[in-house]
Amino acid sequence: MQIIWKGQSCFQLLAQKAKNNQVSIVIDPFQDEIGLKAPSLEADILLITHDHHDHNNEKAVSGSPFLINGPGEYEVKEVYIQGILSFHDDAQGKERGDNTIYTIDVEDLRICHLGDLGQKELTNEQLEKIGEVDVLMIPVGGNFTISAKEALKIMSQIEPSITIPMHYQIPKLKEKLEGVDKFLKSLGIKSANPETKFSIKKKDIVPEEAKVILLKP
């Protein structure tokens, strides 16, 4: 599987189901009013975590994808997706509304995208649904989501093998978020070389070695 980050919370996952049979999954495409150029992507499956302009640009995605925009269980093109109700704030959604956490099971891997999670910790019910995670996409920029410090708490609850930070300040982004440095520093990581894309297979997962992967938008 290839994982590509387009900025903010937008990812494209390219999964191989069989030889010459690729599935494209796009998560949270943004509108260009946030200062970043809206991604132009093609997908078989489109996931939207919540209906805010920096996450819901369905028109940017071609290919007539199957749209999933809320909680539930789905099976599309042999990809198993679960949407889990969560909140955009730490007040049961009273301030910023609901958010959907997605788990994606494909290529023997479980990917978890937390969307704009604002809860300072996950409930036992949410954790049970999330299960064991190979790759976690987690917001770390604070302000509209959990902060770097709160992200550590969520990571300790989920215990993923690989963590990819998202939703933090990058050049041209108009929204004011914290940079990723604070998150890395809190983990004791002094420097990290961002990758253009990340390729992962199940055999690459080493449970005892938790890793943080930084991607270039």
C-alpha atoms as a PDB file:
ATOM      1  CA  MET A   1       0.000   0.000   0.000  1.00  0.00           C
ATOM      2  CA  GLN A   2       1.064   3.546  -0.731  1.00  0.00           C
ATOM      3  CA  ILE A   3       0.019   6.399   1.545  1.00  0.00           C
ATOM      4  CA  ILE A   4       0.185   9.940   0.156  1.00  0.00           C
ATOM      5  CA  TRP A   5      -0.558  13.106   2.157  1.00  0.00           C
ATOM      6  CA  LYS A   6      -1.962  16.163   0.408  1.00  0.00           C
ATOM      7  CA  GLY A   7      -1.968  18.469   3.438  1.00  0.00           C
ATOM      8  CA  GLN A   8      -4.420  19.108   6.292  1.00  0.00           C
ATOM      9  CA  SER A   9      -6.239  15.761   6.780  1.00  0.00           C
ATOM     10  CA  CYS A  10      -6.318  14.716   3.130  1.00  0.00           C
ATOM     11  CA  PHE A  11      -4.766  11.369   2.227  1.00  0.00           C
ATOM     12  CA  GLN A  12      -4.828   9.054  -0.741  1.00  0.00           C
ATOM     13  CA  LEU A  13      -4.365   5.334  -0.107  1.00  0.00           C
ATOM     14  CA  LEU A  14      -3.426   3.159  -3.081  1.00  0.00           C
ATOM     15  CA  ALA A  15      -4.028  -0.481  -2.243  1.00  0.00           C
ATOM     16  CA  GLN A  16      -3.375  -3.602  -4.304  1.00  0.00           C
ATOM     17  CA  LYS A  17      -6.122  -6.210  -4.073  1.00  0.00           C
ATOM     18  CA  ALA A  18      -4.536  -8.427  -6.705  1.00  0.00           C
ATOM     19  CA  LYS A  19      -2.056  -8.095  -9.536  1.00  0.00           C
ATOM     20  CA  ASN A  20      -2.929  -5.049 -11.677  1.00  0.00           C
ATOM     21  CA  ASN A  21      -6.002  -4.406  -9.536  1.00  0.00           C
ATOM     22  CA  GLN A  22      -5.537  -1.202  -7.547  1.00  0.00           C
ATOM     23  CA  VAL A  23      -8.058   0.563  -5.315  1.00  0.00           C
ATOM     24  CA  SER A  24      -7.786   4.297  -4.620  1.00  0.00           C
ATOM     25  CA  ILE A  25      -9.207   5.627  -1.349  1.00  0.00           C
ATOM     26  CA  VAL A  26      -9.301   9.380  -0.701  1.00  0.00           C
ATOM     27  CA  ILE A  27      -9.968  10.886   2.725  1.00  0.00           C
ATOM     28  CA  ASP A  28     -11.009  14.488   3.517  1.00  0.00           C
ATOM     29  CA  PRO A  29     -10.205  16.525   0.379  1.00  0.00           C
ATOM     30  CA  PHE A  30     -10.122  20.250   1.227  1.00  0.00           C
ATOM     31  CA  GLN A  31     -11.296  23.375  -0.563  1.00  0.00           C
ATOM     32  CA  ASP A  32      -8.677  25.839  -1.748  1.00  0.00           C
ATOM     33  CA  GLU A  33     -10.014  28.669   0.432  1.00  0.00           C
ATOM     34  CA  ILE A  34      -7.802  27.335   3.229  1.00  0.00           C
ATOM     35  CA  GLY A  35      -4.785  28.604   1.277  1.00  0.00           C
ATOM     36  CA  LEU A  36      -3.640  25.274  -0.135  1.00  0.00           C
ATOM     37  CA  LYS A  37      -4.372  24.220  -3.693  1.00  0.00           C
ATOM     38  CA  ALA A  38      -7.315  21.840  -3.673  1.00  0.00           C
ATOM     39  CA  PRO A  39      -6.123  18.323  -4.512  1.00  0.00           C
ATOM     40  CA  SER A  40      -7.111  16.818  -7.854  1.00  0.00           C
ATOM     41  CA  LEU A  41      -7.519  13.119  -7.182  1.00  0.00           C
ATOM     42  CA  GLU A  42      -9.259  10.075  -8.605  1.00  0.00           C
ATOM     43  CA  ALA A  43     -10.807   7.556  -6.240  1.00  0.00           C
ATOM     44  CA  ASP A  44     -12.908   4.445  -5.988  1.00  0.00           C
ATOM     45  CA  ILE A  45     -13.871   5.275  -2.407  1.00  0.00           C
ATOM     46  CA  LEU A  46     -14.198   8.719  -0.793  1.00  0.00           C
ATOM     47  CA  LEU A  47     -14.342   9.198   2.969  1.00  0.00           C
ATOM     48  CA  ILE A  48     -15.482  12.463   4.574  1.00  0.00           C
ATOM     49  CA  THR A  49     -15.013  12.754   8.339  1.00  0.00           C
ATOM     50  CA  HIS A  50     -17.207  15.853   8.779  1.00  0.00           C
ATOM     51  CA  ASP A  51     -18.816  18.630   6.770  1.00  0.00           C
ATOM     52  CA  HIS A  52     -16.296  21.479   7.119  1.00  0.00           C
ATOM     53  CA  HIS A  53     -14.702  23.214   4.118  1.00  0.00           C
ATOM     54  CA  ASP A  54     -11.208  21.905   4.884  1.00  0.00           C
ATOM     55  CA  HIS A  55     -12.454  18.294   4.728  1.00  0.00           C
ATOM     56  CA  ASN A  56     -15.472  18.036   2.413  1.00  0.00           C
ATOM     57  CA  ASN A  57     -14.460  18.971  -1.155  1.00  0.00           C
ATOM     58  CA  GLU A  58     -16.168  16.075  -2.935  1.00  0.00           C
ATOM     59  CA  LYS A  59     -15.934  17.886  -6.298  1.00  0.00           C
ATOM     60  CA  ALA A  60     -12.132  17.683  -6.217  1.00  0.00           C
ATOM     61  CA  VAL A  61     -12.327  13.889  -6.534  1.00  0.00           C
ATOM     62  CA  SER A  62     -13.058  12.300  -9.907  1.00  0.00           C
ATOM     63  CA  GLY A  63     -13.902   8.718 -10.813  1.00  0.00           C
ATOM     64  CA  SER A  64     -17.456   8.628  -9.383  1.00  0.00           C
ATOM     65  CA  PRO A  65     -16.247   7.243  -6.032  1.00  0.00           C
ATOM     66  CA  PHE A  66     -18.446   5.486  -3.507  1.00  0.00           C
ATOM     67  CA  LEU A  67     -19.056   8.175  -0.855  1.00  0.00           C
ATOM     68  CA  ILE A  68     -18.969   7.416   2.860  1.00  0.00           C
ATOM     69  CA  ASN A  69     -19.638  10.356   5.162  1.00  0.00           C
ATOM     70  CA  GLY A  70     -20.684   8.992   8.527  1.00  0.00           C
ATOM     71  CA  PRO A  71     -20.757   6.126  11.013  1.00  0.00           C
ATOM     72  CA  GLY A  72     -21.548   2.590   9.891  1.00  0.00           C
ATOM     73  CA  GLU A  73     -19.974  -0.508   8.382  1.00  0.00           C
ATOM     74  CA  TYR A  74     -19.225  -0.691   4.684  1.00  0.00           C
ATOM     75  CA  GLU A  75     -17.690  -3.114   2.199  1.00  0.00           C
ATOM     76  CA  VAL A  76     -16.628  -1.631  -1.135  1.00  0.00           C
ATOM     77  CA  LYS A  77     -14.371  -3.382  -3.666  1.00  0.00           C
ATOM     78  CA  GLU A  78     -13.244  -5.841  -0.963  1.00  0.00           C
ATOM     79  CA  VAL A  79     -12.220  -2.960   1.309  1.00  0.00           C
ATOM     80  CA  TYR A  80     -13.807  -3.056   4.765  1.00  0.00           C
ATOM     81  CA  ILE A  81     -14.519   0.338   6.291  1.00  0.00           C
ATOM     82  CA  GLN A  82     -15.959   1.238   9.648  1.00  0.00           C
ATOM     83  CA  GLY A  83     -17.144   4.734  10.575  1.00  0.00           C
ATOM     84  CA  ILE A  84     -17.137   5.429  14.320  1.00  0.00           C
ATOM     85  CA  LEU A  85     -18.973   8.358  15.904  1.00  0.00           C
ATOM     86  CA  SER A  86     -16.719  10.798  17.750  1.00  0.00           C
ATOM     87  CA  PHE A  87     -16.659  14.522  18.490  1.00  0.00           C
ATOM     88  CA  HIS A  88     -14.902  17.566  17.044  1.00  0.00           C
ATOM     89  CA  ASP A  89     -14.545  18.981  20.563  1.00  0.00           C
ATOM     90  CA  ASP A  90     -14.318  17.779  24.140  1.00  0.00           C
ATOM     91  CA  ALA A  91     -17.911  18.772  24.897  1.00  0.00           C
ATOM     92  CA  GLN A  92     -19.836  15.923  23.217  1.00  0.00           C
ATOM     93  CA  GLY A  93     -19.999  17.890  19.970  1.00  0.00           C
ATOM     94  CA  LYS A  94     -21.771  20.926  21.468  1.00  0.00           C
ATOM     95  CA  GLU A  95     -19.096  23.324  20.167  1.00  0.00           C
ATOM     96  CA  ARG A  96     -18.034  21.964  16.763  1.00  0.00           C
ATOM     97  CA  GLY A  97     -20.298  18.993  16.106  1.00  0.00           C
ATOM     98  CA  ASP A  98     -19.663  15.360  15.287  1.00  0.00           C
ATOM     99  CA  ASN A  99     -16.633  13.758  13.659  1.00  0.00           C
ATOM    100  CA  THR A 100     -16.269  10.307  12.135  1.00  0.00           C
ATOM    101  CA  ILE A 101     -13.244   8.138  12.865  1.00  0.00           C
ATOM    102  CA  TYR A 102     -12.597   5.631  10.079  1.00  0.00           C
ATOM    103  CA  THR A 103     -10.894   2.259  10.191  1.00  0.00           C
ATOM    104  CA  ILE A 104      -9.951   0.807   6.809  1.00  0.00           C
ATOM    105  CA  ASP A 105      -9.080  -2.877   6.412  1.00  0.00           C
ATOM    106  CA  VAL A 106      -7.232  -3.679   3.212  1.00  0.00           C
ATOM    107  CA  GLU A 107      -4.095  -5.628   2.241  1.00  0.00           C
ATOM    108  CA  ASP A 108      -4.160  -7.293   5.695  1.00  0.00           C
ATOM    109  CA  LEU A 109      -3.541  -3.863   7.237  1.00  0.00           C
ATOM    110  CA  ARG A 110      -5.780  -1.783   9.472  1.00  0.00           C
ATOM    111  CA  ILE A 111      -5.550   1.965   8.862  1.00  0.00           C
ATOM    112  CA  CYS A 112      -7.218   4.413  11.264  1.00  0.00           C
ATOM    113  CA  HIS A 113      -7.913   8.064  10.357  1.00  0.00           C
ATOM    114  CA  LEU A 114      -9.093  10.134  13.322  1.00  0.00           C
ATOM    115  CA  GLY A 115     -10.438  13.093  11.318  1.00  0.00           C
ATOM    116  CA  ASP A 116     -10.792  16.307  13.330  1.00  0.00           C
ATOM    117  CA  LEU A 117     -10.892  14.561  16.680  1.00  0.00           C
ATOM    118  CA  GLY A 118     -11.342  17.000  19.559  1.00  0.00           C
ATOM    119  CA  GLN A 119     -11.836  14.517  22.401  1.00  0.00           C
ATOM    120  CA  LYS A 120      -9.001  14.521  24.907  1.00  0.00           C
ATOM    121  CA  GLU A 121      -9.385  10.781  25.213  1.00  0.00           C
ATOM    122  CA  LEU A 122     -11.304   8.020  23.498  1.00  0.00           C
ATOM    123  CA  THR A 123     -14.086   6.082  25.192  1.00  0.00           C
ATOM    124  CA  ASN A 124     -13.835   2.357  25.828  1.00  0.00           C
ATOM    125  CA  GLU A 125     -16.538   1.780  23.210  1.00  0.00           C
ATOM    126  CA  GLN A 126     -14.596   3.746  20.593  1.00  0.00           C
ATOM    127  CA  LEU A 127     -11.385   1.901  21.412  1.00  0.00           C
ATOM    128  CA  GLU A 128     -13.102  -1.466  21.139  1.00  0.00           C
ATOM    129  CA  LYS A 129     -14.396  -0.574  17.669  1.00  0.00           C
ATOM    130  CA  ILE A 130     -11.016   0.807  16.542  1.00  0.00           C
ATOM    131  CA  GLY A 131      -9.190  -2.350  17.623  1.00  0.00           C
ATOM    132  CA  GLU A 132      -5.557  -3.054  16.745  1.00  0.00           C
ATOM    133  CA  VAL A 133      -4.157  -0.428  14.384  1.00  0.00           C
ATOM    134  CA  ASP A 134      -1.202  -0.756  12.029  1.00  0.00           C
ATOM    135  CA  VAL A 135      -1.179   2.839  10.742  1.00  0.00           C
ATOM    136  CA  LEU A 136      -2.744   5.795  12.566  1.00  0.00           C
ATOM    137  CA  MET A 137      -3.367   9.255  11.069  1.00  0.00           C
ATOM    138  CA  ILE A 138      -3.722  11.693  13.963  1.00  0.00           C
ATOM    139  CA  PRO A 139      -4.257  15.488  14.154  1.00  0.00           C
ATOM    140  CA  VAL A 140      -1.596  17.270  16.218  1.00  0.00           C
ATOM    141  CA  GLY A 141      -2.032  20.992  15.457  1.00  0.00           C
ATOM    142  CA  GLY A 142      -4.420  21.944  18.258  1.00  0.00           C
ATOM    143  CA  ASN A 143      -6.834  24.887  18.083  1.00  0.00           C
ATOM    144  CA  PHE A 144      -9.572  23.026  16.161  1.00  0.00           C
ATOM    145  CA  THR A 145      -8.488  19.516  17.206  1.00  0.00           C
ATOM    146  CA  ILE A 146      -6.405  17.790  19.843  1.00  0.00           C
ATOM    147  CA  SER A 147      -3.002  19.284  20.581  1.00  0.00           C
ATOM    148  CA  ALA A 148       0.386  17.569  20.455  1.00  0.00           C
ATOM    149  CA  LYS A 149       0.119  16.691  24.156  1.00  0.00           C
ATOM    150  CA  GLU A 150      -3.398  15.308  23.771  1.00  0.00           C
ATOM    151  CA  ALA A 151      -2.335  13.370  20.678  1.00  0.00           C
ATOM    152  CA  LEU A 152       0.183  11.486  22.839  1.00  0.00           C
ATOM    153  CA  LYS A 153      -2.644  10.431  25.151  1.00  0.00           C
ATOM    154  CA  ILE A 154      -4.710   9.148  22.213  1.00  0.00           C
ATOM    155  CA  MET A 155      -1.680   7.317  20.794  1.00  0.00           C
ATOM    156  CA  SER A 156      -1.119   5.617  24.157  1.00  0.00           C
ATOM    157  CA  GLN A 157      -4.731   4.440  24.086  1.00  0.00           C
ATOM    158  CA  ILE A 158      -4.591   3.041  20.533  1.00  0.00           C
ATOM    159  CA  GLU A 159      -0.931   1.881  20.524  1.00  0.00           C
ATOM    160  CA  PRO A 160      -0.474   1.900  16.730  1.00  0.00           C
ATOM    161  CA  SER A 161       2.569   0.407  15.046  1.00  0.00           C
ATOM    162  CA  ILE A 162       2.998   3.456  12.803  1.00  0.00           C
ATOM    163  CA  THR A 163       1.771   7.005  13.393  1.00  0.00           C
ATOM    164  CA  ILE A 164       1.455   9.701  10.742  1.00  0.00           C
ATOM    165  CA  PRO A 165       0.746  13.206  12.119  1.00  0.00           C
ATOM    166  CA  MET A 166      -1.639  15.461  10.175  1.00  0.00           C
ATOM    167  CA  HIS A 167      -3.647  18.685  10.489  1.00  0.00           C
ATOM    168  CA  TYR A 168      -0.778  20.948  11.545  1.00  0.00           C
ATOM    169  CA  GLN A 169       0.676  24.224  10.264  1.00  0.00           C
ATOM    170  CA  ILE A 170       2.361  24.060   6.856  1.00  0.00           C
ATOM    171  CA  PRO A 171       3.345  26.830   4.403  1.00  0.00           C
ATOM    172  CA  LYS A 172       0.405  28.719   2.779  1.00  0.00           C
ATOM    173  CA  LEU A 173      -2.191  27.254   5.154  1.00  0.00           C
ATOM    174  CA  LYS A 174      -4.407  30.136   6.335  1.00  0.00           C
ATOM    175  CA  GLU A 175      -5.704  28.355   9.421  1.00  0.00           C
ATOM    176  CA  LYS A 176      -3.567  28.935  12.480  1.00  0.00           C
ATOM    177  CA  LEU A 177      -2.380  25.621  13.851  1.00  0.00           C
ATOM    178  CA  GLU A 178       0.670  24.503  15.788  1.00  0.00           C
ATOM    179  CA  GLY A 179       3.565  23.073  13.793  1.00  0.00           C
ATOM    180  CA  VAL A 180       4.559  19.426  13.890  1.00  0.00           C
ATOM    181  CA  ASP A 181       7.796  20.182  15.794  1.00  0.00           C
ATOM    182  CA  LYS A 182       5.985  20.328  19.125  1.00  0.00           C
ATOM    183  CA  PHE A 183       4.559  16.858  18.547  1.00  0.00           C
ATOM    184  CA  LEU A 184       7.928  15.418  17.511  1.00  0.00           C
ATOM    185  CA  LYS A 185       9.673  17.041  20.476  1.00  0.00           C
ATOM    186  CA  SER A 186       7.142  15.558  22.892  1.00  0.00           C
ATOM    187  CA  LEU A 187       8.100  12.127  21.530  1.00  0.00           C
ATOM    188  CA  GLY A 188      11.821  12.848  21.893  1.00  0.00           C
ATOM    189  CA  ILE A 189      12.314  13.013  18.117  1.00  0.00           C
ATOM    190  CA  LYS A 190      14.876  15.723  17.353  1.00  0.00           C
ATOM    191  CA  SER A 191      14.648  15.563  13.575  1.00  0.00           C
ATOM    192  CA  ALA A 192      12.723  13.692  10.907  1.00  0.00           C
ATOM    193  CA  ASN A 193      13.056  13.615   7.134  1.00  0.00           C
ATOM    194  CA  PRO A 194       9.632  13.940   5.501  1.00  0.00           C
ATOM    195  CA  GLU A 195       8.834  11.410   2.780  1.00  0.00           C
ATOM    196  CA  THR A 196       6.885  12.140  -0.417  1.00  0.00           C
ATOM    197  CA  LYS A 197       4.909   8.931   0.019  1.00  0.00           C
ATOM    198  CA  PHE A 198       4.996   5.977   2.362  1.00  0.00           C
ATOM    199  CA  SER A 199       4.844   2.366   1.204  1.00  0.00           C
ATOM    200  CA  ILE A 200       3.863  -0.306   3.693  1.00  0.00           C
ATOM    201  CA  LYS A 201       3.062  -4.035   3.696  1.00  0.00           C
ATOM    202  CA  LYS A 202       1.916  -6.231   6.558  1.00  0.00           C
ATOM    203  CA  LYS A 203       5.305  -7.946   6.730  1.00  0.00           C
ATOM    204  CA  ASP A 204       6.908  -4.542   7.449  1.00  0.00           C
ATOM    205  CA  ILE A 205       4.980  -4.181  10.708  1.00  0.00           C
ATOM    206  CA  VAL A 206       7.072  -4.891  13.802  1.00  0.00           C
ATOM    207  CA  PRO A 207       4.765  -4.684  16.842  1.00  0.00           C
ATOM    208  CA  GLU A 208       7.594  -3.899  19.278  1.00  0.00           C
ATOM    209  CA  GLU A 209       8.843  -0.970  17.165  1.00  0.00           C
ATOM    210  CA  ALA A 210       6.440   1.935  17.136  1.00  0.00           C
ATOM    211  CA  LYS A 211       7.383   4.442  14.413  1.00  0.00           C
ATOM    212  CA  VAL A 212       6.418   7.985  13.475  1.00  0.00           C
ATOM    213  CA  ILE A 213       6.412   8.780   9.749  1.00  0.00           C
ATOM    214  CA  LEU A 214       6.439  12.367   8.519  1.00  0.00           C
ATOM    215  CA  LEU A 215       5.049  13.017   5.034  1.00  0.00           C
ATOM    216  CA  LYS A 216       5.443  15.950   2.641  1.00  0.00           C
ATOM    217  CA  PRO A 217       2.195  17.472   1.365  1.00  0.00           C
END
